[in-house]
Amino acid sequence: MDLGRNFSGLAKAIPLFAAILAVALLYSPSLTVLWKKWILWDQDLAHSIPTLGVMLALLARRTYVVAELKPKKNATYWLLLSALAICSLGWYLFESLSISLPAYFMLIAVLCLFISTSFSTQLTLAILPTLGLLIFVIPVWSDLTGVLVELSSFVVGHAVKLSHLTVLLEGSSIFLPSGTIYIADGCSGIRYLIISLLMGYILILLNQYKLRNAIATLAIAGLLGLIANWLRIYLLVVIGYHSEMQSSLMHDHETFGWIVFACILIPAIYFSPVSKTANPIIHIPKRVSFLPLLPLAIGPALLYLGSTTTSTNTPLNINHLSQYKIASNERIGIALHPKITHADGQTVEIDQLKIRVDLFTNTPAEPRKEIVPFIGSLTDRNEWLLEQSPKAAPENFDIGIYKQVGGTSRIIIAKQYIVGTMHTDSYLEAKLIQIVAKAMGDSYFGLLTAQANCATDCTTELAIITGALPRINRTQ
């Protein structure tokens, strides 16, 4: 009997699920890219497909009642309809320029506005918390990796000191008598944090917590996710110390981490407060407006009909460095490894200082690929630690002084990002100005680096390389 009522209630929500499907089909270019990220089960979006299943299940279990309602054609309605058209155009702009993350946020806004204008604002507000699960399936979390690595190094480092173990701590490296444990990007705990926040958010939806309790739940969930990762790393240090790095857990630390995570999170979920609040009734209008389909289709139609702009840029080079004394067979500094192609490299002598200049480039293989790709760290953080970032760098250059982990050697590395014809010292700014570059028909990206070995504290080398950078910058 209850099963029959459930199917009857779900049948009333078929127009709502049809609206979600319509948005998914029309905006499939974004979803196709996301799908490729979702099926990478070892990455920070591996939970996305189950999360979407949970979202649809939570929408299906709500109590729907068909009512004699229809969207009112008042000022608010036309404002929402205009906002839908603007967001659809915004999605087209970002999608056509291959700026993925803003396109995903525009897609979520389009979905909410389409439901509001097709059904009612009350319906959207009722299911908006459930639609909030979509924030967990877009790649907005990976930028926290670097911060979480530093935080893990800080917390675990202090915990190890309190344990009175004979270890040396330097940056994200922990030197044991029998080996070294590196707190790399894979040890950031980003997946534990996301899953923990996701579970906390699902608890909020299931128990319909009030705002105060919801904030507290998310805060506790986030903290437990971080603690699980810190405890995992700390236990691995202790186990590695006492087993002289011979324990099998040192090699299978991923499984060990999920066991630690489960031991912390499962009791927290079990003892979390349970609300007995009745499932509120959601009214589905008997008549649905089809007018919003017009602004909904603006972005996809423009993307389908639009032509691809041809790149007019000229590849950059560092041939002008031939005017200086070339020491091409001599390696200065360290081998950098950003995740893009190494185009050219030379070691030259400028103002009696040997400087290694490298140019890394990227040109999208497909017209709708991003100009500025993910680069990653220039140096291996397990071997080189950023000691300071001098502020005396020339315009559009970022300079860092790196110290060898476990040693005394130091190097200076200066870098600059080149997007089309524009130069910047900020990776975030490079991601933003690629919009302008793509609109101008430029699809070239370059990373120019210059580095030098330091004799002592880098003071002399810093002054020389700072003066030489404007000459090195003549990349055309």
Protein backbone atom coordinates (compact mmCIF):
# COMPACT_ATOMS: atom_id res chain seq x y z
CA MET A 1 0.00 0.00 0.00
CA ASP A 2 2.81 2.39 1.00
CA LEU A 3 4.73 1.33 -2.08
CA GLY A 4 1.76 2.21 -4.26
CA ARG A 5 1.49 5.64 -2.64
CA ASN A 6 5.22 6.20 -3.17
CA PHE A 7 4.93 5.40 -6.86
CA SER A 8 1.86 7.62 -7.10
CA GLY A 9 3.72 10.54 -5.49
CA LEU A 10 6.76 9.98 -7.68
CA ALA A 11 4.59 9.98 -10.81
CA LYS A 12 3.43 13.47 -9.89
CA ALA A 13 7.05 14.62 -9.96
CA ILE A 14 7.72 13.32 -13.50
CA PRO A 15 7.56 16.87 -14.97
CA LEU A 16 10.27 17.96 -12.49
CA PHE A 17 12.59 15.10 -13.49
CA ALA A 18 11.80 15.83 -17.14
CA ALA A 19 12.94 19.43 -16.60
CA ILE A 20 16.22 18.21 -15.06
CA LEU A 21 16.72 15.83 -17.99
CA ALA A 22 16.04 18.62 -20.49
CA VAL A 23 18.75 20.79 -18.94
CA ALA A 24 21.17 17.82 -18.89
CA LEU A 25 20.60 17.11 -22.59
CA LEU A 26 20.81 20.71 -23.78
CA TYR A 27 23.92 21.43 -21.74
CA SER A 28 25.60 18.10 -22.45
CA PRO A 29 28.93 19.69 -23.57
CA SER A 30 29.67 20.56 -19.94
CA LEU A 31 28.37 17.24 -18.65
CA THR A 32 30.49 15.32 -21.16
CA VAL A 33 33.64 16.92 -19.78
CA LEU A 34 32.48 16.31 -16.21
CA TRP A 35 31.70 12.67 -16.98
CA LYS A 36 35.34 12.09 -17.95
CA LYS A 37 36.37 13.44 -14.55
CA TRP A 38 33.72 11.47 -12.65
CA ILE A 39 34.85 8.08 -13.95
CA LEU A 40 38.41 8.60 -12.72
CA TRP A 41 37.82 6.68 -9.52
CA ASP A 42 41.17 7.56 -7.94
CA GLN A 43 40.66 11.31 -8.12
CA ASP A 44 38.83 13.85 -5.94
CA LEU A 45 35.57 13.56 -7.96
CA ALA A 46 35.28 9.77 -7.72
CA HIS A 47 32.21 10.17 -5.49
CA SER A 48 30.28 12.20 -8.08
CA ILE A 49 28.16 9.48 -9.71
CA PRO A 50 26.93 8.07 -6.35
CA THR A 51 26.29 11.65 -5.21
CA LEU A 52 24.05 12.31 -8.21
CA GLY A 53 22.23 9.06 -7.44
CA VAL A 54 21.66 10.21 -3.86
CA MET A 55 20.38 13.59 -5.10
CA LEU A 56 17.85 11.96 -7.44
CA ALA A 57 16.81 9.50 -4.72
CA LEU A 58 16.24 12.33 -2.23
CA LEU A 59 14.17 14.21 -4.80
CA ALA A 60 12.16 11.06 -5.49
CA ARG A 61 11.35 10.41 -1.83
CA ARG A 62 9.80 13.84 -1.26
CA THR A 63 6.03 14.17 -0.95
CA TYR A 64 4.58 15.80 -4.05
CA VAL A 65 1.03 17.03 -4.47
CA VAL A 66 -0.40 18.39 -7.71
CA ALA A 67 -1.96 21.81 -7.15
CA GLU A 68 -3.87 24.27 -9.26
CA LEU A 69 -0.88 26.57 -9.52
CA LYS A 70 0.97 28.11 -12.42
CA PRO A 71 3.79 30.62 -12.62
CA LYS A 72 2.46 34.13 -12.26
CA LYS A 73 3.42 36.42 -15.12
CA ASN A 74 4.37 39.26 -12.78
CA ALA A 75 7.53 41.39 -12.58
CA THR A 76 9.36 38.73 -10.56
CA TYR A 77 8.60 36.09 -13.17
CA TRP A 78 9.96 38.20 -16.02
CA LEU A 79 13.01 39.06 -13.94
CA LEU A 80 13.71 35.36 -13.37
CA LEU A 81 13.13 34.67 -17.07
CA SER A 82 15.64 37.38 -17.96
CA ALA A 83 18.12 35.95 -15.44
CA LEU A 84 17.70 32.54 -17.10
CA ALA A 85 18.55 34.03 -20.49
CA ILE A 86 21.60 35.86 -19.04
CA CYS A 87 22.89 32.71 -17.31
CA SER A 88 22.37 30.72 -20.51
CA LEU A 89 24.40 33.32 -22.40
CA GLY A 90 27.01 33.28 -19.65
CA TRP A 91 27.27 29.50 -19.92
CA TYR A 92 27.75 29.85 -23.69
CA LEU A 93 30.48 32.46 -23.19
CA PHE A 94 32.47 30.37 -20.72
CA GLU A 95 31.88 27.08 -22.52
CA SER A 96 32.88 28.50 -25.92
CA LEU A 97 36.04 29.95 -24.36
CA SER A 98 36.73 26.68 -22.51
CA ILE A 99 36.56 28.30 -19.07
CA SER A 100 35.15 25.26 -17.32
CA LEU A 101 34.53 26.15 -13.68
CA PRO A 102 32.39 29.28 -14.26
CA ALA A 103 30.47 27.30 -16.90
CA TYR A 104 29.59 24.68 -14.28
CA PHE A 105 28.30 27.31 -11.86
CA MET A 106 26.26 28.88 -14.66
CA LEU A 107 24.80 25.46 -15.40
CA ILE A 108 23.64 25.05 -11.80
CA ALA A 109 22.08 28.54 -11.90
CA VAL A 110 20.35 27.70 -15.20
CA LEU A 111 18.82 24.56 -13.66
CA CYS A 112 17.44 26.44 -10.65
CA LEU A 113 16.07 29.31 -12.74
CA PHE A 114 14.49 26.95 -15.26
CA ILE A 115 12.63 25.10 -12.51
CA SER A 116 11.53 28.43 -10.97
CA THR A 117 10.11 29.78 -14.21
CA SER A 118 8.63 26.50 -15.47
CA PHE A 119 7.02 25.49 -12.17
CA SER A 120 7.22 27.93 -9.29
CA THR A 121 9.69 29.71 -7.04
CA GLN A 122 8.22 27.86 -4.06
CA LEU A 123 9.11 24.50 -5.65
CA THR A 124 12.68 25.66 -6.32
CA LEU A 125 13.16 26.86 -2.75
CA ALA A 126 11.80 23.55 -1.45
CA ILE A 127 14.29 21.41 -3.40
CA LEU A 128 17.20 23.90 -3.45
CA PRO A 129 19.00 22.27 -0.48
CA THR A 130 18.89 18.94 -2.31
CA LEU A 131 20.19 20.54 -5.51
CA GLY A 132 23.02 21.86 -3.34
CA LEU A 133 24.59 18.40 -3.65
CA LEU A 134 25.71 19.50 -7.13
CA ILE A 135 28.48 21.58 -5.54
CA PHE A 136 30.18 18.29 -4.62
CA VAL A 137 30.36 17.04 -8.22
CA ILE A 138 32.18 19.95 -9.86
CA PRO A 139 35.99 20.39 -9.69
CA VAL A 140 36.04 23.28 -7.26
CA TRP A 141 37.89 21.46 -4.48
CA SER A 142 41.29 20.63 -5.98
CA ASP A 143 42.63 24.16 -5.40
CA LEU A 144 42.66 23.37 -1.67
CA THR A 145 45.34 20.68 -2.12
CA GLY A 146 48.36 22.93 -1.52
CA VAL A 147 46.85 24.53 1.58
CA LEU A 148 45.89 21.14 3.00
CA VAL A 149 49.42 19.77 2.44
CA GLU A 150 50.88 22.69 4.39
CA LEU A 151 48.28 22.29 7.14
CA SER A 152 48.95 18.53 7.37
CA SER A 153 52.71 19.17 7.56
CA PHE A 154 52.20 21.69 10.36
CA VAL A 155 49.85 19.54 12.47
CA VAL A 156 51.67 16.22 11.99
CA GLY A 157 55.03 17.93 12.56
CA HIS A 158 53.91 19.22 15.96
CA ALA A 159 52.38 15.86 16.87
CA VAL A 160 55.65 14.07 16.04
CA LYS A 161 57.63 16.56 18.14
CA LEU A 162 55.36 15.87 21.12
CA SER A 163 55.98 12.14 20.66
CA HIS A 164 59.73 12.64 21.28
CA LEU A 165 60.70 10.59 18.23
CA THR A 166 64.19 11.03 16.80
CA VAL A 167 63.20 12.61 13.51
CA LEU A 168 64.08 15.66 11.44
CA LEU A 169 61.23 17.81 10.16
CA GLU A 170 61.74 20.07 7.18
CA GLY A 171 58.83 21.41 5.17
CA SER A 172 56.60 18.50 4.16
CA SER A 173 59.39 15.93 4.64
CA ILE A 174 59.87 13.81 7.76
CA PHE A 175 63.32 12.20 7.99
CA LEU A 176 63.37 9.00 10.04
CA PRO A 177 66.55 7.05 10.95
CA SER A 178 65.53 4.34 8.48
CA GLY A 179 63.96 6.43 5.70
CA THR A 180 61.93 9.47 4.71
CA ILE A 181 58.18 10.08 4.67
CA TYR A 182 56.98 12.77 2.27
CA ILE A 183 53.66 14.55 2.77
CA ALA A 184 52.90 14.95 -0.93
CA ASP A 185 49.74 16.14 -2.71
CA GLY A 186 48.28 12.65 -2.31
CA CYS A 187 48.52 13.11 1.45
CA SER A 188 46.59 16.38 1.47
CA GLY A 189 43.43 14.62 2.63
CA ILE A 190 41.27 16.42 0.07
CA ARG A 191 39.19 13.30 -0.60
CA TYR A 192 38.61 12.66 3.09
CA LEU A 193 37.52 16.28 3.51
CA ILE A 194 35.11 16.19 0.56
CA ILE A 195 33.54 12.85 1.54
CA SER A 196 33.20 13.97 5.15
CA LEU A 197 31.50 17.23 4.16
CA LEU A 198 29.29 15.32 1.73
CA MET A 199 28.16 12.89 4.42
CA GLY A 200 27.49 15.79 6.78
CA TYR A 201 25.44 17.54 4.10
CA ILE A 202 23.40 14.40 3.44
CA LEU A 203 22.71 14.13 7.20
CA ILE A 204 21.45 17.72 7.12
CA LEU A 205 19.09 16.88 4.25
CA LEU A 206 17.80 13.66 5.81
CA ASN A 207 17.19 15.21 9.24
CA GLN A 208 16.20 18.67 7.98
CA TYR A 209 18.44 20.46 10.48
CA LYS A 210 17.88 24.11 11.17
CA LEU A 211 20.54 26.56 9.97
CA ARG A 212 22.45 26.64 13.26
CA ASN A 213 22.64 22.85 13.49
CA ALA A 214 23.46 22.58 9.79
CA ILE A 215 26.47 24.90 10.13
CA ALA A 216 27.68 23.01 13.19
CA THR A 217 27.29 19.68 11.36
CA LEU A 218 29.34 20.85 8.38
CA ALA A 219 32.03 22.30 10.65
CA ILE A 220 32.31 19.05 12.63
CA ALA A 221 32.27 16.97 9.45
CA GLY A 222 35.07 19.02 7.90
CA LEU A 223 37.15 18.81 11.08
CA LEU A 224 36.70 15.02 11.30
CA GLY A 225 37.83 14.65 7.69
CA LEU A 226 40.98 16.64 8.42
CA ILE A 227 41.65 14.78 11.67
CA ALA A 228 41.35 11.44 9.86
CA ASN A 229 44.08 12.45 7.43
CA TRP A 230 46.33 13.87 10.15
CA LEU A 231 45.91 10.72 12.24
CA ARG A 232 46.67 8.54 9.21
CA ILE A 233 49.93 10.36 8.49
CA TYR A 234 50.94 10.42 12.16
CA LEU A 235 50.31 6.69 12.58
CA LEU A 236 52.32 5.98 9.43
CA VAL A 237 55.23 7.97 10.88
CA VAL A 238 55.07 6.03 14.15
CA ILE A 239 54.71 2.68 12.37
CA GLY A 240 57.52 3.53 9.97
CA TYR A 241 59.74 4.63 12.85
CA HIS A 242 59.28 1.46 14.91
CA SER A 243 59.26 -0.96 11.95
CA GLU A 244 62.24 0.70 10.26
CA MET A 245 59.99 1.37 7.24
CA GLN A 246 59.42 -2.37 6.72
CA SER A 247 55.71 -2.52 7.61
CA SER A 248 53.38 -3.38 4.72
CA LEU A 249 51.27 -0.35 5.69
CA MET A 250 54.03 1.90 4.38
CA HIS A 251 53.19 0.64 0.88
CA ASP A 252 49.42 0.18 1.24
CA HIS A 253 48.80 3.44 3.07
CA GLU A 254 45.78 4.33 0.90
CA THR A 255 43.68 1.43 2.21
CA PHE A 256 44.95 2.11 5.72
CA GLY A 257 43.80 5.72 5.38
CA TRP A 258 40.24 4.76 4.44
CA ILE A 259 40.10 2.35 7.41
CA VAL A 260 41.14 5.17 9.75
CA PHE A 261 38.61 7.47 8.07
CA ALA A 262 35.80 4.91 8.49
CA CYS A 263 36.68 4.35 12.15
CA ILE A 264 36.22 8.08 12.78
CA LEU A 265 33.29 8.90 10.51
CA ILE A 266 30.99 5.89 11.06
CA PRO A 267 30.61 6.45 14.85
CA ALA A 268 30.05 10.15 14.20
CA ILE A 269 27.23 9.37 11.77
CA TYR A 270 25.76 6.78 14.13
CA PHE A 271 25.61 9.18 17.09
CA SER A 272 24.47 12.20 15.09
CA PRO A 273 21.10 13.66 16.15
CA VAL A 274 18.07 12.25 14.33
CA SER A 275 15.19 14.57 13.55
CA LYS A 276 11.61 13.28 13.46
CA THR A 277 10.36 16.23 11.43
CA ALA A 278 7.71 15.19 8.93
CA ASN A 279 8.59 15.35 5.25
CA PRO A 280 7.08 18.65 4.01
CA ILE A 281 4.64 18.59 1.12
CA ILE A 282 5.86 20.04 -2.17
CA HIS A 283 3.28 21.44 -4.56
CA ILE A 284 3.71 20.64 -8.25
CA PRO A 285 1.78 23.00 -10.55
CA LYS A 286 -0.80 21.19 -12.65
CA ARG A 287 0.07 23.34 -15.63
CA VAL A 288 3.73 23.85 -16.55
CA SER A 289 4.95 26.87 -18.50
CA PHE A 290 6.89 26.05 -21.67
CA LEU A 291 7.99 29.65 -22.28
CA PRO A 292 11.28 29.19 -20.31
CA LEU A 293 12.41 26.67 -22.94
CA LEU A 294 13.22 29.63 -25.21
CA PRO A 295 15.80 31.36 -22.96
CA LEU A 296 17.00 27.92 -21.83
CA ALA A 297 17.99 27.04 -25.39
CA ILE A 298 19.82 30.29 -26.17
CA GLY A 299 23.24 29.17 -24.92
CA PRO A 300 23.22 25.65 -26.43
CA ALA A 301 21.93 27.03 -29.76
CA LEU A 302 24.70 29.63 -29.95
CA LEU A 303 27.31 27.01 -29.07
CA TYR A 304 26.00 24.67 -31.75
CA LEU A 305 25.78 27.35 -34.44
CA GLY A 306 28.89 29.31 -33.49
CA SER A 307 32.06 29.04 -35.53
CA THR A 308 35.47 28.35 -34.04
CA THR A 309 37.88 31.27 -33.98
CA THR A 310 41.20 30.55 -35.64
CA SER A 311 44.32 31.29 -33.64
CA THR A 312 46.42 34.13 -35.00
CA ASN A 313 49.26 34.02 -32.50
CA THR A 314 52.90 33.32 -33.22
CA PRO A 315 54.80 30.76 -31.11
CA LEU A 316 57.28 32.37 -28.73
CA ASN A 317 60.96 31.54 -28.48
CA ILE A 318 64.11 32.46 -26.58
CA ASN A 319 66.43 32.73 -29.59
CA HIS A 320 67.44 36.26 -28.59
CA LEU A 321 69.51 34.77 -25.76
CA SER A 322 72.12 33.80 -28.35
CA GLN A 323 73.60 37.29 -27.92
CA TYR A 324 74.86 36.20 -24.50
CA LYS A 325 77.56 33.70 -23.68
CA ILE A 326 75.99 30.25 -24.10
CA ALA A 327 76.82 27.35 -21.79
CA SER A 328 74.36 24.93 -23.35
CA ASN A 329 75.97 21.77 -21.98
CA GLU A 330 75.96 22.98 -18.42
CA ARG A 331 72.93 22.38 -16.21
CA ILE A 332 72.15 25.22 -13.79
CA GLY A 333 69.62 24.89 -11.01
CA ILE A 334 67.27 21.90 -11.15
CA ALA A 335 65.16 20.20 -13.80
CA LEU A 336 61.68 21.72 -13.59
CA HIS A 337 58.66 19.56 -14.34
CA PRO A 338 55.45 21.50 -14.99
CA LYS A 339 52.78 19.38 -16.68
CA ILE A 340 53.27 21.01 -20.10
CA THR A 341 55.69 20.65 -23.01
CA HIS A 342 59.29 21.84 -22.66
CA ALA A 343 59.84 23.94 -25.81
CA ASP A 344 63.38 25.25 -25.36
CA GLY A 345 66.08 25.74 -22.75
CA GLN A 346 69.49 27.43 -22.57
CA THR A 347 72.07 28.23 -19.92
CA VAL A 348 73.55 31.69 -20.47
CA GLU A 349 75.86 34.01 -18.59
CA ILE A 350 74.43 37.45 -17.86
CA ASP A 351 76.30 39.95 -15.69
CA GLN A 352 78.75 37.21 -14.66
CA LEU A 353 75.95 34.95 -13.38
CA LYS A 354 75.02 31.70 -15.08
CA ILE A 355 71.25 31.61 -15.55
CA ARG A 356 69.18 28.71 -16.84
CA VAL A 357 66.26 29.88 -18.99
CA ASP A 358 63.46 27.47 -19.94
CA LEU A 359 60.32 27.98 -21.99
CA PHE A 360 57.39 25.59 -21.53
CA THR A 361 54.47 25.89 -23.92
CA ASN A 362 50.95 24.64 -24.46
CA THR A 363 48.65 25.03 -27.46
CA PRO A 364 45.24 23.34 -27.10
CA ALA A 365 44.85 20.32 -29.36
CA GLU A 366 41.14 21.07 -29.70
CA PRO A 367 39.52 24.50 -30.22
CA ARG A 368 37.42 24.24 -27.06
CA LYS A 369 40.20 23.18 -24.73
CA GLU A 370 41.44 25.63 -22.09
CA ILE A 371 44.45 27.74 -23.06
CA VAL A 372 45.93 27.71 -19.55
CA PRO A 373 46.24 24.08 -18.46
CA PHE A 374 46.86 22.63 -15.02
CA ILE A 375 50.58 23.04 -14.41
CA GLY A 376 51.20 21.64 -10.97
CA SER A 377 54.30 22.37 -8.93
CA LEU A 378 57.45 23.47 -10.76
CA THR A 379 59.66 21.73 -8.23
CA ASP A 380 59.46 18.50 -6.30
CA ARG A 381 58.28 19.64 -2.88
CA ASN A 382 59.87 16.55 -1.37
CA GLU A 383 63.28 17.88 -2.44
CA TRP A 384 62.95 21.67 -2.55
CA LEU A 385 61.20 23.93 -0.04
CA LEU A 386 60.12 27.50 -0.83
CA GLU A 387 62.04 29.54 1.72
CA GLN A 388 61.02 33.07 0.77
CA SER A 389 59.38 35.11 -1.98
CA PRO A 390 61.26 38.40 -2.45
CA LYS A 391 59.08 41.37 -3.37
CA ALA A 392 61.75 43.06 -5.49
CA ALA A 393 60.75 41.14 -8.64
CA PRO A 394 60.32 43.02 -11.94
CA GLU A 395 56.81 43.53 -13.28
CA ASN A 396 55.01 40.33 -14.33
CA PHE A 397 57.64 38.08 -12.74
CA ASP A 398 57.36 36.03 -9.56
CA ILE A 399 60.61 35.10 -7.78
CA GLY A 400 61.11 32.40 -5.16
CA ILE A 401 64.17 31.27 -3.21
CA TYR A 402 64.15 27.50 -2.64
CA LYS A 403 66.19 25.53 -0.10
CA GLN A 404 67.10 21.88 -0.57
CA VAL A 405 65.22 19.68 1.88
CA GLY A 406 67.76 18.10 4.23
CA GLY A 407 70.59 20.16 2.74
CA THR A 408 71.97 23.70 2.53
CA SER A 409 71.83 24.36 -1.24
CA ARG A 410 69.65 27.20 -2.46
CA ILE A 411 68.37 28.27 -5.87
CA ILE A 412 66.46 31.25 -7.23
CA ILE A 413 63.58 30.57 -9.61
CA ALA A 414 61.73 33.33 -11.45
CA LYS A 415 58.64 32.56 -13.52
CA GLN A 416 56.21 34.33 -15.79
CA TYR A 417 52.99 33.17 -17.47
CA ILE A 418 52.35 34.24 -21.09
CA VAL A 419 48.78 34.05 -22.40
CA GLY A 420 48.55 35.12 -26.03
CA THR A 421 50.35 38.47 -25.98
CA MET A 422 49.74 39.16 -22.28
CA HIS A 423 52.19 38.50 -19.45
CA THR A 424 51.50 37.95 -15.74
CA ASP A 425 53.18 36.57 -12.63
CA SER A 426 49.98 34.99 -11.28
CA TYR A 427 48.57 31.64 -12.36
CA LEU A 428 45.08 32.69 -11.22
CA GLU A 429 45.32 35.88 -13.29
CA ALA A 430 46.50 33.81 -16.27
CA LYS A 431 43.35 31.68 -15.95
CA LEU A 432 41.24 34.84 -16.03
CA ILE A 433 42.93 36.67 -18.91
CA GLN A 434 42.65 33.58 -21.10
CA ILE A 435 39.04 34.75 -21.65
CA VAL A 436 40.36 37.89 -23.35
CA ALA A 437 43.02 35.95 -25.24
CA LYS A 438 40.53 33.40 -26.55
CA ALA A 439 38.17 36.17 -27.66
CA MET A 440 41.06 37.78 -29.58
CA GLY A 441 41.85 34.48 -31.32
CA ASP A 442 44.99 33.73 -29.30
CA SER A 443 45.39 30.20 -27.98
CA TYR A 444 49.08 30.20 -27.04
CA PHE A 445 50.29 29.68 -23.49
CA GLY A 446 53.87 29.84 -22.33
CA LEU A 447 55.64 29.49 -19.00
CA LEU A 448 59.00 31.29 -18.94
CA THR A 449 61.38 30.40 -16.10
CA ALA A 450 64.86 31.59 -15.14
CA GLN A 451 66.92 30.10 -12.33
CA ALA A 452 70.37 30.37 -10.82
CA ASN A 453 72.38 28.60 -8.12
CA CYS A 454 73.13 30.57 -4.96
CA ALA A 455 76.58 30.66 -3.42
CA THR A 456 75.36 31.48 0.10
CA ASP A 457 72.22 33.45 0.99
CA CYS A 458 71.21 34.42 -2.58
CA THR A 459 71.60 38.18 -1.98
CA THR A 460 74.05 38.76 -4.83
CA GLU A 461 72.31 36.36 -7.20
CA LEU A 462 68.93 37.94 -6.47
CA ALA A 463 70.19 41.39 -7.42
CA ILE A 464 71.72 40.12 -10.69
CA ILE A 465 68.78 37.98 -11.83
CA THR A 466 66.34 40.78 -10.97
CA GLY A 467 68.22 43.11 -13.30
CA ALA A 468 68.54 40.45 -16.01
CA LEU A 469 64.87 39.43 -16.16
CA PRO A 470 63.71 42.33 -18.39
CA ARG A 471 66.29 41.22 -20.99
CA ILE A 472 65.27 37.58 -20.67
CA ASN A 473 61.64 38.62 -21.09
CA ARG A 474 62.15 39.49 -24.79
CA THR A 475 60.47 36.22 -25.81
CA GLN A 476 59.39 37.19 -29.30
